[in-house]
Protein backbone atom coordinates (compact mmCIF):
# COMPACT_ATOMS: atom_id res chain seq x y z
CA MET A 1 86.33 112.21 97.34
CA VAL A 2 83.63 112.36 100.02
CA GLY A 3 80.27 114.30 99.55
CA PRO A 4 79.30 117.74 101.04
CA ILE A 5 80.41 118.16 104.66
CA ALA A 6 79.84 121.96 105.26
CA PRO A 7 77.70 121.16 108.48
CA ARG A 8 80.40 119.16 109.96
CA ARG A 9 82.95 121.69 109.01
CA ARG A 10 81.22 124.32 111.05
CA THR A 11 80.84 121.73 113.98
CA ALA A 12 84.53 120.96 113.72
CA MET A 13 85.65 124.69 113.75
CA ALA A 14 83.43 125.43 116.65
CA ALA A 15 84.71 122.55 118.59
CA ARG A 16 88.35 123.80 118.08
CA ASN A 17 87.36 127.35 119.48
CA PRO A 18 88.50 127.46 123.17
CA ALA A 19 85.46 129.82 123.72
CA ASN A 20 83.15 126.91 123.43
CA PRO A 21 84.24 124.33 126.00
CA ARG A 22 80.74 123.04 126.39
CA LEU A 23 80.23 122.49 122.60
CA ARG A 24 83.65 120.82 122.51
CA ASP A 25 82.49 118.35 125.34
CA ILE A 26 79.26 117.57 123.56
CA PHE A 27 81.22 116.84 120.34
CA ALA A 28 83.61 114.66 122.10
CA LEU A 29 80.64 112.79 123.59
CA LEU A 30 78.86 112.33 120.20
CA ALA A 31 82.11 111.01 118.60
CA ARG A 32 81.75 107.53 119.79
CA PHE A 33 78.68 107.18 117.83
CA LEU A 34 80.09 108.27 114.59
CA SER A 35 80.64 105.60 111.90
CA PHE A 36 83.96 104.98 110.37
CA ALA A 37 82.94 106.78 107.21
CA ASP A 38 81.84 109.79 109.42
CA TYR A 39 85.23 109.81 111.22
CA LEU A 40 87.00 109.90 107.58
CA LYS A 41 84.72 112.89 106.56
CA LEU A 42 85.51 114.79 109.73
CA ARG A 43 89.29 114.01 109.52
CA LEU A 44 89.34 115.40 105.95
CA VAL A 45 87.69 118.67 107.22
CA ASP A 46 89.80 119.78 110.12
CA HIS A 47 92.91 118.37 111.69
CA ALA A 48 91.51 119.19 115.25
CA SER A 49 88.29 117.21 114.86
CA ARG A 50 90.18 113.88 115.11
CA LEU A 51 91.32 114.78 118.63
CA TYR A 52 87.78 113.80 119.76
CA CYS A 53 87.71 110.48 117.83
CA ARG A 54 91.23 109.16 118.48
CA ARG A 55 90.33 107.53 121.73
CA VAL A 56 87.35 105.65 120.49
CA GLY A 57 88.02 102.72 118.26
CA ARG A 58 86.17 102.69 114.88
CA THR A 59 84.85 99.36 113.09
CA PRO A 60 86.39 99.72 109.62
CA PRO A 61 84.47 98.90 106.37
CA PRO A 62 84.24 95.04 106.04
CA PHE A 63 85.53 95.20 102.49
CA PRO A 64 89.04 96.55 102.16
CA TRP A 65 90.11 99.40 100.13
CA LEU A 66 92.42 99.10 97.16
CA MET A 67 95.62 101.19 97.18
CA LEU A 68 96.30 102.24 93.84
CA PRO A 69 99.60 102.59 92.23
CA GLN A 70 101.17 105.97 92.23
CA ARG A 71 100.64 107.91 89.11
CA GLU A 72 103.67 108.96 86.94
CA SER A 73 104.18 112.76 86.99
CA PRO A 74 107.11 113.68 84.64
CA GLY A 75 108.80 116.81 85.72
CA ALA A 76 107.10 116.71 89.28
CA PRO A 77 109.29 118.07 92.10
CA SER A 78 111.08 115.57 94.38
CA THR A 79 108.91 115.45 97.41
CA ALA A 80 108.98 113.09 100.34
CA THR A 81 105.42 112.22 100.21
CA VAL A 82 102.45 111.89 97.72
CA ARG A 83 98.71 111.62 97.98
CA ARG A 84 97.90 108.06 97.20
CA ILE A 85 94.40 106.89 96.23
CA PHE A 86 92.76 104.32 98.34
CA TYR A 87 89.59 103.03 96.36
CA ASP A 88 86.42 101.58 98.17
CA ILE A 89 85.08 99.21 95.56
CA PRO A 90 81.77 98.46 96.80
CA GLY A 91 81.06 102.16 97.68
CA GLY A 92 82.58 103.50 94.45
CA ARG A 93 84.52 106.23 96.54
CA SER A 94 88.03 107.29 96.63
CA TYR A 95 90.11 108.50 99.49
CA ARG A 96 93.55 110.17 99.48
CA TYR A 97 96.35 110.00 101.97
CA GLU A 98 99.97 111.11 102.34
CA ILE A 99 102.32 108.32 102.07
CA PRO A 100 106.10 108.24 101.12
CA ASP A 101 106.81 108.79 97.39
CA LYS A 102 107.89 105.45 95.62
CA ARG A 103 111.24 107.06 94.75
CA PHE A 104 112.08 106.85 98.46
CA TYR A 105 109.90 103.99 99.95
CA ARG A 106 108.25 100.91 98.28
CA CYS A 107 105.24 99.16 99.80
CA VAL A 108 105.85 95.38 100.24
CA ALA A 109 102.86 94.45 102.40
CA THR A 110 99.85 95.71 104.16
CA GLY A 111 97.77 94.34 107.14
CA HIS A 112 95.58 95.63 110.08
CA GLY A 113 95.51 99.10 108.86
CA TRP A 114 99.03 99.58 108.23
CA LEU A 115 101.42 99.60 105.36
CA VAL A 116 104.91 98.09 105.48
CA MET A 117 107.33 100.09 103.36
CA VAL A 118 110.92 99.55 102.53
CA SER A 119 113.31 102.33 101.75
CA VAL A 120 114.69 102.24 98.29
CA HIS A 121 118.14 104.07 99.01
CA PRO A 122 120.69 103.28 101.74
CA PRO A 123 120.67 103.23 104.71
CA ARG A 124 117.90 100.45 104.23
CA ARG A 125 115.26 100.48 106.81
CA ILE A 126 111.51 99.44 107.26
CA LEU A 127 108.77 102.00 107.80
CA MET A 128 105.29 100.90 109.16
CA LEU A 129 102.65 103.40 108.54
CA ASN A 130 98.96 103.99 109.35
CA PRO A 131 97.91 106.55 106.74
CA ILE A 132 94.44 107.05 108.53
CA THR A 133 95.95 108.19 111.70
CA ASP A 134 99.53 109.24 110.68
CA GLN A 135 101.06 106.84 113.11
CA GLY A 136 104.37 105.48 112.11
CA LYS A 137 107.15 103.15 113.29
CA VAL A 138 110.71 102.67 111.92
CA VAL A 139 112.84 99.57 112.51
CA PRO A 140 116.25 98.79 110.88
CA TRP A 141 116.90 96.45 107.94
CA PRO A 142 117.16 92.82 109.40
CA PHE A 143 119.46 91.34 106.51
CA ASP A 144 123.27 91.72 105.83
CA ASN A 145 122.61 91.79 102.06
CA ILE A 146 120.23 94.12 100.22
CA ASN A 147 118.78 91.96 97.31
CA GLY A 148 115.21 92.77 97.35
CA CYS A 149 114.11 89.07 97.56
CA PHE A 150 111.94 88.83 100.74
CA HIS A 151 108.36 88.52 101.96
CA ALA A 152 107.06 90.83 104.72
CA HIS A 153 104.17 90.15 107.01
CA LEU A 154 102.34 91.86 109.92
CA THR A 155 100.72 89.37 112.25
CA SER A 156 98.58 91.91 113.96
CA SER A 157 98.58 95.87 114.45
CA PRO A 158 101.90 97.12 115.26
CA GLY A 159 100.39 99.02 118.15
CA ASP A 160 99.80 95.49 119.65
CA ARG A 161 102.48 94.45 121.91
CA GLY A 162 101.84 90.90 120.61
CA CYS A 163 102.50 91.96 116.99
CA PHE A 164 105.34 90.45 115.14
CA LEU A 165 106.82 91.74 111.94
CA VAL A 166 108.08 88.84 109.95
CA MET A 167 110.58 89.15 106.91
CA VAL A 168 111.28 85.98 105.04
CA THR A 169 114.18 85.30 102.63
CA ASP A 170 116.19 82.42 101.38
CA LYS A 171 116.89 79.98 104.45
CA LEU A 172 116.12 82.62 106.89
CA ILE A 173 113.20 84.00 108.89
CA ALA A 174 113.63 87.24 110.68
CA TYR A 175 111.20 88.76 113.35
CA CYS A 176 110.90 91.50 115.85
CA ARG A 177 108.02 93.07 118.00
CA PRO A 178 107.50 96.54 116.55
CA ALA A 179 105.57 97.73 119.77
CA ILE A 180 108.47 96.95 122.07
CA TYR A 181 111.41 96.88 119.41
CA GLN A 182 114.43 95.22 120.99
CA GLY A 183 116.19 94.15 118.01
CA TRP A 184 115.75 91.43 115.28
CA TYR A 185 115.78 87.67 115.98
CA ALA A 186 116.48 85.21 113.42
CA LEU A 187 115.43 81.54 112.83
CA ARG A 188 117.22 79.25 110.21
CA ALA A 189 114.85 77.56 107.65
CA PRO A 190 117.57 75.67 105.47
CA GLY A 191 115.19 74.30 102.96
CA PHE A 192 113.09 77.55 102.32
CA ARG A 193 113.61 79.03 98.85
CA TYR A 194 112.29 82.52 98.13
CA HIS A 195 110.41 82.90 94.83
CA GLU A 196 108.43 86.22 93.89
CA ALA A 197 105.48 84.15 92.71
CA SER A 198 105.63 80.63 94.20
CA SER A 199 106.35 81.35 97.95
CA ASP A 200 104.16 83.19 100.63
CA VAL A 201 103.68 83.72 104.16
CA VAL A 202 100.55 84.06 106.35
CA SER A 203 99.63 84.03 110.02
CA LEU A 204 96.97 82.19 112.04
CA SER A 205 97.27 84.38 115.08
CA SER A 206 99.66 87.16 116.32
CA SER A 207 102.42 84.58 116.77
CA LEU A 208 101.63 81.54 114.69
CA VAL A 209 103.03 81.77 111.09
CA PHE A 210 103.00 79.58 108.06
CA LEU A 211 105.33 79.74 105.08
CA VAL A 212 105.13 77.76 101.73
CA ASP A 213 108.08 77.90 99.27
CA GLN A 214 108.08 77.18 95.49
CA ARG A 215 108.47 73.39 96.04
CA ARG A 216 105.32 73.56 98.21
CA LYS A 217 107.28 72.71 101.33
CA LEU A 218 105.41 74.01 104.33
CA TRP A 219 106.83 75.57 107.50
CA ARG A 220 104.80 76.18 110.83
CA VAL A 221 106.49 78.76 113.24
CA GLU A 222 105.21 79.67 116.58
CA LEU A 223 107.21 82.75 117.51
CA ALA A 224 105.75 83.29 121.01
CA GLU A 225 107.41 80.08 122.30
CA GLN A 226 110.70 80.07 124.25
CA PRO A 227 112.65 79.05 122.19
CA PRO A 228 110.46 79.54 118.95
CA GLN A 229 109.32 76.36 117.42
CA VAL A 230 109.85 75.77 113.80
CA GLU A 231 108.37 72.60 112.09
CA CYS A 232 108.85 71.85 108.43
CA ARG A 233 106.81 69.20 106.23
CA ASP A 234 107.20 68.17 102.70
CA THR A 235 103.74 68.74 101.22
CA ALA A 236 104.78 68.35 97.54
CA PHE A 237 101.63 67.14 95.37
CA ALA A 238 101.09 66.85 91.69
CA LEU A 239 99.74 70.08 90.22
CA PRO A 240 96.41 69.73 88.38
CA SER A 241 98.16 71.95 85.62
CA GLU A 242 101.56 72.91 85.08
CA GLU A 243 100.18 76.54 84.42
CA LEU A 244 99.53 77.00 88.03
CA ARG A 245 102.68 78.68 89.02
CA ARG A 246 101.35 81.43 91.40
CA TYR A 247 100.83 80.52 94.98
CA TYR A 248 98.91 82.52 97.62
CA LEU A 249 98.39 81.66 101.41
CA VAL A 250 95.23 83.07 102.79
CA GLU A 251 93.40 82.53 106.21
CA SER A 252 89.73 82.28 106.36
CA LEU A 253 87.68 81.53 109.44
CA GLY A 254 90.63 79.98 111.40
CA HIS A 255 91.69 77.85 108.50
CA ILE A 256 94.72 78.21 106.14
CA HIS A 257 94.15 77.84 102.34
CA LEU A 258 96.55 77.63 99.36
CA VAL A 259 95.30 78.92 96.23
CA LEU A 260 97.28 78.21 93.04
CA SER A 261 96.75 80.40 89.92
CA GLU A 262 98.05 80.66 86.33
CA ASP A 263 99.75 83.87 85.25
CA ARG A 264 96.56 85.64 83.99
CA HIS A 265 94.31 84.23 86.90
CA LYS A 266 92.00 82.71 84.46
CA ARG A 267 91.90 79.47 86.43
CA ILE A 268 92.71 78.64 89.91
CA ALA A 269 93.08 75.47 92.26
CA LEU A 270 92.17 75.57 96.03
CA TYR A 271 93.50 73.53 98.85
CA LYS A 272 92.84 73.54 102.60
CA LEU A 273 95.40 72.73 105.25
CA ASP A 274 95.08 70.04 107.73
CA TRP A 275 98.40 70.03 109.74
CA ALA A 276 97.71 66.67 111.43
CA ALA A 277 96.69 64.73 108.31
CA ALA A 278 99.34 62.76 106.35
CA SER A 279 98.49 64.68 103.12
CA MET A 280 98.15 68.05 104.62
CA TRP A 281 96.75 69.91 101.58
CA ALA A 282 93.29 68.59 100.89
CA PRO A 283 91.96 69.79 97.39
CA MET A 284 88.66 71.56 97.40
CA ASP A 285 86.30 71.30 94.43
CA GLY A 286 84.33 74.31 95.35
CA TRP A 287 84.21 76.90 98.16
CA CYS A 288 82.36 76.25 101.42
CA GLY A 289 81.27 79.40 103.35
CA ASP A 290 80.29 82.86 102.70
CA ARG A 291 83.60 84.42 102.12
CA VAL A 292 85.24 86.35 99.08
CA LEU A 293 88.84 85.81 98.67
CA LEU A 294 91.24 88.88 98.14
CA LEU A 295 94.52 87.84 96.94
CA GLY A 296 97.90 89.64 96.38
CA ARG A 297 101.38 89.40 97.45
CA GLY A 298 101.53 90.63 100.99
CA CYS A 299 97.94 91.58 101.43
CA SER A 300 95.66 88.45 100.94
CA ALA A 301 92.48 88.24 103.10
CA ALA A 302 88.87 86.71 103.24
CA VAL A 303 85.93 88.90 103.84
CA PRO A 304 82.16 88.24 104.10
CA ALA A 305 80.36 88.09 100.80
CA SER A 306 77.59 90.31 102.26
CA SER A 307 80.10 93.23 102.24
CA ALA A 308 81.29 92.60 98.60
CA ALA A 309 78.66 94.67 96.77
CA GLY A 310 76.78 91.44 95.30
CA ARG A 311 79.85 89.16 94.76
CA ALA A 312 78.78 85.52 95.45
CA PRO A 313 80.81 83.45 97.82
CA GLY A 314 83.75 81.90 96.24
CA THR A 315 84.45 85.04 94.19
CA VAL A 316 88.29 85.65 94.05
CA LEU A 317 89.78 89.27 93.64
CA PHE A 318 93.37 89.45 92.60
CA ALA A 319 95.34 92.78 93.32
CA ARG A 320 97.18 93.82 90.03
CA GLN A 321 100.89 93.45 91.01
CA PRO A 322 103.28 93.71 88.02
CA MET A 323 106.34 93.06 89.91
CA SER A 324 105.61 89.53 90.41
CA ILE A 325 103.11 88.97 87.39
CA ARG A 326 104.79 90.25 84.22
CA ASP A 327 103.09 90.93 80.86
CA MET A 328 99.54 90.41 81.92
CA ASP A 329 98.05 93.53 80.20
CA ARG A 330 98.76 92.55 76.56
CA SER A 331 95.49 90.86 76.18
CA VAL A 332 93.87 94.07 77.27
CA ARG A 333 95.42 96.68 75.15
CA GLY A 334 97.18 94.58 72.62
CA ASP A 335 100.70 95.92 73.53
CA SER A 336 103.10 96.29 76.33
CA ARG A 337 102.27 99.94 77.37
CA GLY A 338 100.46 100.90 80.63
CA GLN A 339 98.15 98.38 82.25
CA ALA A 340 94.51 99.18 81.96
CA TRP A 341 93.17 97.67 85.02
CA PHE A 342 93.80 97.57 88.77
CA TRP A 343 92.18 94.25 89.79
CA SER A 344 90.73 91.16 88.24
CA GLU A 345 87.86 88.86 89.36
CA THR A 346 87.22 85.03 88.85
CA ARG A 347 85.67 82.26 90.86
CA VAL A 348 86.87 79.23 92.87
CA ASP A 349 84.56 76.71 91.02
CA ALA A 350 85.08 78.20 87.50
CA GLY A 351 84.78 75.46 84.83
CA PRO A 352 86.57 75.01 81.55
CA ASP A 353 84.08 77.27 79.86
CA ASP A 354 84.30 80.03 82.48
CA LEU A 355 87.89 81.07 81.87
CA LEU A 356 87.18 84.76 81.20
CA VAL A 357 88.45 87.04 84.07
CA LEU A 358 86.82 90.20 84.74
CA LYS A 359 89.38 93.05 84.59
CA LYS A 360 88.35 96.04 86.60
CA THR A 361 89.29 99.75 86.43
CA VAL A 362 88.35 102.62 88.74
CA PRO A 363 85.58 104.58 87.18
CA HIS A 364 87.38 107.90 87.22
CA GLN A 365 90.92 106.87 86.73
CA GLN A 366 92.43 104.63 83.95
CA GLY A 367 95.02 102.24 84.96
CA GLU A 368 98.59 103.23 84.60
CA PHE A 369 101.14 100.89 85.99
CA THR A 370 104.83 101.00 86.03
CA ASN A 371 107.27 98.06 86.69
CA ALA A 372 108.05 99.51 90.15
CA ASP A 373 104.57 99.87 91.49
CA ASP A 374 101.73 97.61 92.79
CA SER A 375 98.16 97.72 93.94
CA PHE A 376 97.51 96.35 97.49
CA TRP A 377 94.43 95.49 99.34
CA PHE A 378 94.25 97.73 102.43
CA PHE A 379 92.03 97.38 105.46
CA PRO A 380 91.54 100.86 107.05
CA ALA A 381 91.71 100.91 110.70
CA ILE A 382 92.21 103.24 113.75
CA ASP A 383 94.24 101.87 116.53
CA PRO A 384 92.89 102.92 119.90
CA ASP A 385 96.47 103.22 121.24
CA GLU A 386 97.51 106.75 120.40
CA ASN A 387 101.13 106.11 121.73
CA ALA A 388 102.02 103.78 118.87
CA ARG A 389 104.12 106.23 117.11
């Protein structure tokens, strides 16, 4: 947790006192100069203190937190929410926020400071939650069948009127606007085949979405057009290795990249999209730029290397997600019991002699995964729109 905050506790309590309107006004004036970390500390001290910060946007940390899986607690009472740990890797600090228990909701994607969670039991519905501000939005389930085979993606913050929530399953793309929900819309994608490891979805803007399936066919969807425009291209190419069966789409500096990885993430191949070219996926021998790639199902991103605690450009961090990547921990513990790490690291330009993946655990918590829980990259953010509830 955060360090000593007794002085801020006194300030927050004084600001809440109606007998100190002048001090309250001073506190509100100073709130805009607080850092994102200051905001978090204040919020942990006193609920009233955030009233003076909510209207001022905060620049979040440039490196995302890692939302750790929910710990198993045998015999624990059945409660609607639990305190999940969000770990700041460069800072070595943990934050805890209330989110729904995995027995009721399962996280399937993150983006722009929000979690996308799907209810486990009927009636099926989708919950979008910002754990930092307690904002939440609920929308109905878009599909007739409930088979759990889908990708979810937020193109921007749900508080943004231009945001789309996109749900992709076999042959179908469903989308809606969470900020002004008026029902779900559907687009047919007859050739799209969902696969838990070899298909993915990413957005280049709040309305431009790209999808790849297990046969490396690519869809480009412009949702803001009337009617929406869907283009499909067959981008199949020879794999450099048959072991590269995990596909991740990630946006970096306005470009779409496809990352192929084998099951244990020991080697990867990187491609860059050129939609206008005849051969749209151009292989890349190394990484150009100053970005570190963070990959995971429903949470991939690229961040500046300067924010990654000494990690060099081209470093790739994989969130541990056993729902889609099975039996990856046996080389760590020598058996099939609980996993002993939360994320792994490698490099884009790793050579044949650099196949070792660095497996990482949180310093104060050993990894304990189950088959029903994942880690997710999470960008903490505070929406300036307080009415997004």
